[in-house]
Amino acid sequence: MPMRALSRTLNLALHPMLAPTYAVLLTFNTGSFWALTPLPEQLRVLAYTLSATLLIPFAAFKLSMRLFPPEQVEPGPWRRQLGAMVFAFCLLAGYWGLGQQAGPYHLALFMLTLAFPVLLVSRLREGLSSLHLTAMGALVGFVFVNGMLYGGHSLFWLSTLVGFSGLLASARIHLLKDEPAAAYLGFAIGLAMVLLLMPAFLFLPEWLAFVGNLGKFAPPWPLA
């Protein structure tokens, strides 16, 4: 029983919708120059991210469940796909909104990038890949890119996140929510897509400005 309770706690604490919030906390607490950001600004970005990528998608998903009760809809993977689509839409909206507020450049790009593996995994056959581990893999990729751009204690946090990913995989396997292969594949998809897409997006500021108005970001060019 204690093992099951611990597994459930890990499953909730490392939910995919919390990945952007953890990215905010890691940005301001890894020893990079972002740690010099004034506390009120850090809290503003944190509050916005929590609202855009956790509270709003959670409320929207609950509303959709009321409008379309599971017992009135044909069985299938639609519920998982609906939740992923709502989350992905909120990630895209969060990316755009953070750009309008002159939020940290790379945090908004992480929201944009995370939407792609979330949608991809949701379209795979159920049980083939783990969305929870996809988000963890994406978070590991984010910390790596953040460390390459801005320095800080990235090696420590990379090791920590990889360790938590292993614990999460064990917890979900223990709860019979994922197979081992699904956990490995999910982590690999999230990690690979962030490592490929975030650097690509960083070097396409003109194209991204069309969507997110990145001209308002500070700093305007992270590699300068």
C-alpha atoms as a PDB file:
ATOM      1  CA  MET A   1       0.000   0.000   0.000  1.00  0.00           C
ATOM      2  CA  PRO A   2       2.746   2.605   0.793  1.00  0.00           C
ATOM      3  CA  MET A   3       4.387   1.803  -2.555  1.00  0.00           C
ATOM      4  CA  ARG A   4       1.113   2.340  -4.381  1.00  0.00           C
ATOM      5  CA  ALA A   5       0.495   5.639  -2.574  1.00  0.00           C
ATOM      6  CA  LEU A   6       4.010   6.811  -3.427  1.00  0.00           C
ATOM      7  CA  SER A   7       3.509   5.831  -7.063  1.00  0.00           C
ATOM      8  CA  ARG A   8       0.266   7.800  -7.239  1.00  0.00           C
ATOM      9  CA  THR A   9       1.950  10.826  -5.677  1.00  0.00           C
ATOM     10  CA  LEU A  10       4.756  10.713  -8.230  1.00  0.00           C
ATOM     11  CA  ASN A  11       2.256  10.263 -11.035  1.00  0.00           C
ATOM     12  CA  LEU A  12       0.417  13.430  -9.964  1.00  0.00           C
ATOM     13  CA  ALA A  13       3.486  15.509  -9.062  1.00  0.00           C
ATOM     14  CA  LEU A  14       5.100  14.825 -12.455  1.00  0.00           C
ATOM     15  CA  HIS A  15       1.966  15.260 -14.551  1.00  0.00           C
ATOM     16  CA  PRO A  16       2.603  16.461 -18.141  1.00  0.00           C
ATOM     17  CA  MET A  17       0.660  19.687 -17.562  1.00  0.00           C
ATOM     18  CA  LEU A  18       3.168  20.653 -14.856  1.00  0.00           C
ATOM     19  CA  ALA A  19       6.164  20.453 -17.207  1.00  0.00           C
ATOM     20  CA  PRO A  20       6.013  24.152 -18.272  1.00  0.00           C
ATOM     21  CA  THR A  21       5.734  25.223 -14.621  1.00  0.00           C
ATOM     22  CA  TYR A  22       8.795  23.157 -13.729  1.00  0.00           C
ATOM     23  CA  ALA A  23      10.573  24.739 -16.709  1.00  0.00           C
ATOM     24  CA  VAL A  24       9.879  28.186 -15.208  1.00  0.00           C
ATOM     25  CA  LEU A  25      11.224  27.131 -11.794  1.00  0.00           C
ATOM     26  CA  LEU A  26      14.317  25.586 -13.377  1.00  0.00           C
ATOM     27  CA  THR A  27      14.945  28.705 -15.467  1.00  0.00           C
ATOM     28  CA  PHE A  28      15.109  30.957 -12.425  1.00  0.00           C
ATOM     29  CA  ASN A  29      16.865  28.515 -10.060  1.00  0.00           C
ATOM     30  CA  THR A  30      19.683  26.852 -12.002  1.00  0.00           C
ATOM     31  CA  GLY A  31      22.308  29.536 -11.435  1.00  0.00           C
ATOM     32  CA  SER A  32      22.057  31.093 -14.903  1.00  0.00           C
ATOM     33  CA  PHE A  33      21.762  34.834 -15.451  1.00  0.00           C
ATOM     34  CA  TRP A  34      17.973  34.412 -15.362  1.00  0.00           C
ATOM     35  CA  ALA A  35      18.389  34.091 -11.586  1.00  0.00           C
ATOM     36  CA  LEU A  36      18.992  37.861 -11.596  1.00  0.00           C
ATOM     37  CA  THR A  37      15.410  38.435 -12.737  1.00  0.00           C
ATOM     38  CA  PRO A  38      13.503  40.453 -10.093  1.00  0.00           C
ATOM     39  CA  LEU A  39      11.277  38.305  -7.899  1.00  0.00           C
ATOM     40  CA  PRO A  40       8.027  40.060  -8.931  1.00  0.00           C
ATOM     41  CA  GLU A  41       8.805  39.295 -12.570  1.00  0.00           C
ATOM     42  CA  GLN A  42       9.574  35.659 -11.722  1.00  0.00           C
ATOM     43  CA  LEU A  43       6.257  35.358  -9.900  1.00  0.00           C
ATOM     44  CA  ARG A  44       4.409  36.976 -12.804  1.00  0.00           C
ATOM     45  CA  VAL A  45       5.853  34.481 -15.299  1.00  0.00           C
ATOM     46  CA  LEU A  46       5.140  31.598 -12.911  1.00  0.00           C
ATOM     47  CA  ALA A  47       1.536  32.686 -12.341  1.00  0.00           C
ATOM     48  CA  TYR A  48       0.947  33.125 -16.065  1.00  0.00           C
ATOM     49  CA  THR A  49       2.431  29.712 -16.879  1.00  0.00           C
ATOM     50  CA  LEU A  50       0.383  27.981 -14.180  1.00  0.00           C
ATOM     51  CA  SER A  51      -2.791  29.602 -15.482  1.00  0.00           C
ATOM     52  CA  ALA A  52      -2.143  29.007 -19.191  1.00  0.00           C
ATOM     53  CA  THR A  53      -0.793  25.453 -19.064  1.00  0.00           C
ATOM     54  CA  LEU A  54      -2.414  23.918 -15.968  1.00  0.00           C
ATOM     55  CA  LEU A  55      -5.532  25.660 -14.673  1.00  0.00           C
ATOM     56  CA  ILE A  56      -7.118  26.583 -18.016  1.00  0.00           C
ATOM     57  CA  PRO A  57      -6.547  23.207 -19.764  1.00  0.00           C
ATOM     58  CA  PHE A  58      -7.712  21.341 -16.652  1.00  0.00           C
ATOM     59  CA  ALA A  59     -10.903  23.414 -16.491  1.00  0.00           C
ATOM     60  CA  ALA A  60     -11.455  23.055 -20.248  1.00  0.00           C
ATOM     61  CA  PHE A  61     -11.047  19.278 -20.085  1.00  0.00           C
ATOM     62  CA  LYS A  62     -13.461  19.000 -17.160  1.00  0.00           C
ATOM     63  CA  LEU A  63     -15.980  21.128 -19.064  1.00  0.00           C
ATOM     64  CA  SER A  64     -15.659  18.896 -22.119  1.00  0.00           C
ATOM     65  CA  MET A  65     -16.324  15.862 -19.926  1.00  0.00           C
ATOM     66  CA  ARG A  66     -19.553  17.482 -18.748  1.00  0.00           C
ATOM     67  CA  LEU A  67     -20.620  18.387 -22.269  1.00  0.00           C
ATOM     68  CA  PHE A  68     -19.709  14.959 -23.675  1.00  0.00           C
ATOM     69  CA  PRO A  69     -20.030  12.381 -20.852  1.00  0.00           C
ATOM     70  CA  PRO A  70     -18.029   9.194 -21.515  1.00  0.00           C
ATOM     71  CA  GLU A  71     -21.158   7.022 -21.278  1.00  0.00           C
ATOM     72  CA  GLN A  72     -22.726   8.942 -24.170  1.00  0.00           C
ATOM     73  CA  VAL A  73     -19.743   8.627 -26.498  1.00  0.00           C
ATOM     74  CA  GLU A  74     -18.405   5.590 -28.332  1.00  0.00           C
ATOM     75  CA  PRO A  75     -15.527   3.916 -26.468  1.00  0.00           C
ATOM     76  CA  GLY A  76     -12.054   4.516 -27.810  1.00  0.00           C
ATOM     77  CA  PRO A  77      -8.916   6.608 -27.320  1.00  0.00           C
ATOM     78  CA  TRP A  78     -10.866   9.867 -27.829  1.00  0.00           C
ATOM     79  CA  ARG A  79     -10.603  10.919 -24.165  1.00  0.00           C
ATOM     80  CA  ARG A  80      -6.807  10.703 -24.151  1.00  0.00           C
ATOM     81  CA  GLN A  81      -6.629  12.489 -27.503  1.00  0.00           C
ATOM     82  CA  LEU A  82      -9.065  15.199 -26.405  1.00  0.00           C
ATOM     83  CA  GLY A  83      -7.035  15.925 -23.278  1.00  0.00           C
ATOM     84  CA  ALA A  84      -3.823  16.099 -25.313  1.00  0.00           C
ATOM     85  CA  MET A  85      -5.382  18.409 -27.903  1.00  0.00           C
ATOM     86  CA  VAL A  86      -6.703  20.771 -25.220  1.00  0.00           C
ATOM     87  CA  PHE A  87      -3.269  20.813 -23.556  1.00  0.00           C
ATOM     88  CA  ALA A  88      -1.477  21.395 -26.883  1.00  0.00           C
ATOM     89  CA  PHE A  89      -3.830  24.260 -27.773  1.00  0.00           C
ATOM     90  CA  CYS A  90      -3.176  25.872 -24.368  1.00  0.00           C
ATOM     91  CA  LEU A  91       0.576  25.458 -24.897  1.00  0.00           C
ATOM     92  CA  LEU A  92       0.334  27.316 -28.208  1.00  0.00           C
ATOM     93  CA  ALA A  93      -1.802  30.028 -26.615  1.00  0.00           C
ATOM     94  CA  GLY A  94       0.660  30.228 -23.717  1.00  0.00           C
ATOM     95  CA  TYR A  95       3.549  30.608 -26.140  1.00  0.00           C
ATOM     96  CA  TRP A  96       1.808  33.491 -27.879  1.00  0.00           C
ATOM     97  CA  GLY A  97       0.741  35.145 -24.616  1.00  0.00           C
ATOM     98  CA  LEU A  98       4.203  34.969 -23.066  1.00  0.00           C
ATOM     99  CA  GLY A  99       5.545  36.642 -26.188  1.00  0.00           C
ATOM    100  CA  GLN A 100       3.068  39.467 -25.817  1.00  0.00           C
ATOM    101  CA  GLN A 101       4.166  39.955 -22.199  1.00  0.00           C
ATOM    102  CA  ALA A 102       7.899  40.068 -23.018  1.00  0.00           C
ATOM    103  CA  GLY A 103       8.497  36.856 -21.105  1.00  0.00           C
ATOM    104  CA  PRO A 104      11.701  34.770 -21.286  1.00  0.00           C
ATOM    105  CA  TYR A 105      12.415  33.852 -24.895  1.00  0.00           C
ATOM    106  CA  HIS A 106      13.285  30.198 -24.401  1.00  0.00           C
ATOM    107  CA  LEU A 107      10.369  29.474 -22.030  1.00  0.00           C
ATOM    108  CA  ALA A 108       7.864  30.469 -24.696  1.00  0.00           C
ATOM    109  CA  LEU A 109       9.715  28.328 -27.238  1.00  0.00           C
ATOM    110  CA  PHE A 110       9.530  25.377 -24.836  1.00  0.00           C
ATOM    111  CA  MET A 111       5.740  25.745 -24.727  1.00  0.00           C
ATOM    112  CA  LEU A 112       5.644  25.840 -28.514  1.00  0.00           C
ATOM    113  CA  THR A 113       7.972  22.851 -28.836  1.00  0.00           C
ATOM    114  CA  LEU A 114       6.194  20.728 -26.200  1.00  0.00           C
ATOM    115  CA  ALA A 115       2.950  20.918 -28.172  1.00  0.00           C
ATOM    116  CA  PHE A 116       4.453  18.779 -30.956  1.00  0.00           C
ATOM    117  CA  PRO A 117       5.418  15.635 -28.966  1.00  0.00           C
ATOM    118  CA  VAL A 118       2.167  15.914 -26.979  1.00  0.00           C
ATOM    119  CA  LEU A 119       0.125  15.770 -30.189  1.00  0.00           C
ATOM    120  CA  LEU A 120       2.333  13.064 -31.692  1.00  0.00           C
ATOM    121  CA  VAL A 121       2.115  10.744 -28.682  1.00  0.00           C
ATOM    122  CA  SER A 122      -1.644  11.269 -28.401  1.00  0.00           C
ATOM    123  CA  ARG A 123      -2.089  10.025 -31.963  1.00  0.00           C
ATOM    124  CA  LEU A 124      -0.073   6.843 -31.422  1.00  0.00           C
ATOM    125  CA  ARG A 125      -1.847   3.637 -30.554  1.00  0.00           C
ATOM    126  CA  GLU A 126      -2.867   3.627 -26.909  1.00  0.00           C
ATOM    127  CA  GLY A 127      -0.262   1.908 -24.771  1.00  0.00           C
ATOM    128  CA  LEU A 128       2.500   2.440 -27.319  1.00  0.00           C
ATOM    129  CA  SER A 129       3.982   5.524 -25.683  1.00  0.00           C
ATOM    130  CA  SER A 130       3.686   7.323 -22.331  1.00  0.00           C
ATOM    131  CA  LEU A 131       2.646  10.982 -22.353  1.00  0.00           C
ATOM    132  CA  HIS A 132       3.974  11.420 -18.804  1.00  0.00           C
ATOM    133  CA  LEU A 133       7.447  10.268 -19.820  1.00  0.00           C
ATOM    134  CA  THR A 134       7.242  12.318 -23.011  1.00  0.00           C
ATOM    135  CA  ALA A 135       6.859  15.455 -20.890  1.00  0.00           C
ATOM    136  CA  MET A 136       9.768  14.392 -18.678  1.00  0.00           C
ATOM    137  CA  GLY A 137      11.973  13.774 -21.698  1.00  0.00           C
ATOM    138  CA  ALA A 138      11.020  17.203 -23.029  1.00  0.00           C
ATOM    139  CA  LEU A 139      11.918  18.778 -19.686  1.00  0.00           C
ATOM    140  CA  VAL A 140      15.335  17.095 -19.740  1.00  0.00           C
ATOM    141  CA  GLY A 141      15.884  18.460 -23.250  1.00  0.00           C
ATOM    142  CA  PHE A 142      14.822  21.922 -22.091  1.00  0.00           C
ATOM    143  CA  VAL A 143      17.352  21.938 -19.246  1.00  0.00           C
ATOM    144  CA  PHE A 144      20.092  20.867 -21.670  1.00  0.00           C
ATOM    145  CA  VAL A 145      19.254  23.660 -24.149  1.00  0.00           C
ATOM    146  CA  ASN A 146      18.891  26.176 -21.310  1.00  0.00           C
ATOM    147  CA  GLY A 147      22.321  25.191 -19.979  1.00  0.00           C
ATOM    148  CA  MET A 148      23.907  25.510 -23.421  1.00  0.00           C
ATOM    149  CA  LEU A 149      22.436  28.990 -23.880  1.00  0.00           C
ATOM    150  CA  TYR A 150      22.675  30.506 -20.423  1.00  0.00           C
ATOM    151  CA  GLY A 151      24.975  28.332 -18.313  1.00  0.00           C
ATOM    152  CA  GLY A 152      24.196  27.469 -14.713  1.00  0.00           C
ATOM    153  CA  HIS A 153      24.170  24.169 -12.824  1.00  0.00           C
ATOM    154  CA  SER A 154      22.618  22.243 -15.706  1.00  0.00           C
ATOM    155  CA  LEU A 155      24.547  19.009 -15.110  1.00  0.00           C
ATOM    156  CA  PHE A 156      23.124  18.644 -11.600  1.00  0.00           C
ATOM    157  CA  TRP A 157      19.558  19.291 -12.769  1.00  0.00           C
ATOM    158  CA  LEU A 158      19.948  16.997 -15.763  1.00  0.00           C
ATOM    159  CA  SER A 159      21.001  14.175 -13.441  1.00  0.00           C
ATOM    160  CA  THR A 160      18.142  14.965 -11.068  1.00  0.00           C
ATOM    161  CA  LEU A 161      15.511  14.989 -13.812  1.00  0.00           C
ATOM    162  CA  VAL A 162      16.799  11.752 -15.336  1.00  0.00           C
ATOM    163  CA  GLY A 163      16.540  10.189 -11.880  1.00  0.00           C
ATOM    164  CA  PHE A 164      12.977  11.438 -11.428  1.00  0.00           C
ATOM    165  CA  SER A 165      12.137  10.138 -14.904  1.00  0.00           C
ATOM    166  CA  GLY A 166      13.240   6.688 -13.829  1.00  0.00           C
ATOM    167  CA  LEU A 167      11.147   6.940 -10.661  1.00  0.00           C
ATOM    168  CA  LEU A 168       8.126   8.090 -12.664  1.00  0.00           C
ATOM    169  CA  ALA A 169       8.534   5.235 -15.124  1.00  0.00           C
ATOM    170  CA  SER A 170       8.727   2.746 -12.253  1.00  0.00           C
ATOM    171  CA  ALA A 171       5.650   4.306 -10.629  1.00  0.00           C
ATOM    172  CA  ARG A 172       3.551   4.136 -13.784  1.00  0.00           C
ATOM    173  CA  ILE A 173       4.621   0.557 -14.460  1.00  0.00           C
ATOM    174  CA  HIS A 174       3.736  -0.332 -10.862  1.00  0.00           C
ATOM    175  CA  LEU A 175       0.297   1.279 -11.320  1.00  0.00           C
ATOM    176  CA  LEU A 176      -0.152  -0.703 -14.571  1.00  0.00           C
ATOM    177  CA  LYS A 177      -0.574   2.529 -16.531  1.00  0.00           C
ATOM    178  CA  ASP A 178       2.423   1.993 -18.831  1.00  0.00           C
ATOM    179  CA  GLU A 179       4.527  -0.831 -20.184  1.00  0.00           C
ATOM    180  CA  PRO A 180       8.320  -0.448 -19.912  1.00  0.00           C
ATOM    181  CA  ALA A 181       8.673  -0.016 -23.681  1.00  0.00           C
ATOM    182  CA  ALA A 182       6.017   2.753 -23.659  1.00  0.00           C
ATOM    183  CA  ALA A 183       7.924   4.614 -20.933  1.00  0.00           C
ATOM    184  CA  TYR A 184      11.217   4.381 -22.843  1.00  0.00           C
ATOM    185  CA  LEU A 185       9.648   5.437 -26.132  1.00  0.00           C
ATOM    186  CA  GLY A 186       7.784   8.356 -24.574  1.00  0.00           C
ATOM    187  CA  PHE A 187      10.930   9.696 -22.922  1.00  0.00           C
ATOM    188  CA  ALA A 188      12.898   9.333 -26.157  1.00  0.00           C
ATOM    189  CA  ILE A 189      10.246  11.156 -28.207  1.00  0.00           C
ATOM    190  CA  GLY A 190      10.054  14.099 -25.793  1.00  0.00           C
ATOM    191  CA  LEU A 191      13.829  14.410 -25.487  1.00  0.00           C
ATOM    192  CA  ALA A 192      14.527  14.097 -29.212  1.00  0.00           C
ATOM    193  CA  MET A 193      11.860  16.547 -30.335  1.00  0.00           C
ATOM    194  CA  VAL A 194      12.950  19.263 -27.891  1.00  0.00           C
ATOM    195  CA  LEU A 195      16.626  18.822 -28.768  1.00  0.00           C
ATOM    196  CA  LEU A 196      15.766  19.071 -32.465  1.00  0.00           C
ATOM    197  CA  LEU A 197      13.021  21.691 -32.499  1.00  0.00           C
ATOM    198  CA  MET A 198      14.088  24.189 -29.830  1.00  0.00           C
ATOM    199  CA  PRO A 199      17.475  24.962 -31.448  1.00  0.00           C
ATOM    200  CA  ALA A 200      15.773  25.125 -34.845  1.00  0.00           C
ATOM    201  CA  PHE A 201      13.171  27.589 -33.546  1.00  0.00           C
ATOM    202  CA  LEU A 202      15.874  29.680 -31.884  1.00  0.00           C
ATOM    203  CA  PHE A 203      17.430  30.290 -35.295  1.00  0.00           C
ATOM    204  CA  LEU A 204      14.130  31.173 -36.973  1.00  0.00           C
ATOM    205  CA  PRO A 205      13.141  34.341 -35.087  1.00  0.00           C
ATOM    206  CA  GLU A 206      11.704  36.086 -38.137  1.00  0.00           C
ATOM    207  CA  TRP A 207       9.271  33.246 -38.856  1.00  0.00           C
ATOM    208  CA  LEU A 208       8.269  32.856 -35.216  1.00  0.00           C
ATOM    209  CA  ALA A 209       7.683  36.587 -34.844  1.00  0.00           C
ATOM    210  CA  PHE A 210       4.703  36.147 -37.156  1.00  0.00           C
ATOM    211  CA  VAL A 211       3.027  34.005 -34.500  1.00  0.00           C
ATOM    212  CA  GLY A 212       4.328  35.129 -31.139  1.00  0.00           C
ATOM    213  CA  ASN A 213       5.613  38.662 -31.678  1.00  0.00           C
ATOM    214  CA  LEU A 214       9.008  37.626 -30.350  1.00  0.00           C
ATOM    215  CA  GLY A 215      10.319  41.142 -30.879  1.00  0.00           C
ATOM    216  CA  LYS A 216       9.012  41.901 -27.387  1.00  0.00           C
ATOM    217  CA  PHE A 217      11.079  39.170 -25.743  1.00  0.00           C
ATOM    218  CA  ALA A 218      13.936  39.997 -23.408  1.00  0.00           C
ATOM    219  CA  PRO A 219      16.657  39.358 -24.300  1.00  0.00           C
ATOM    220  CA  PRO A 220      15.785  39.639 -28.019  1.00  0.00           C
ATOM    221  CA  TRP A 221      18.594  37.289 -29.060  1.00  0.00           C
ATOM    222  CA  PRO A 222      19.760  34.753 -26.450  1.00  0.00           C
ATOM    223  CA  LEU A 223      23.073  33.929 -28.119  1.00  0.00           C
ATOM    224  CA  ALA A 224      24.236  37.563 -28.305  1.00  0.00           C
END
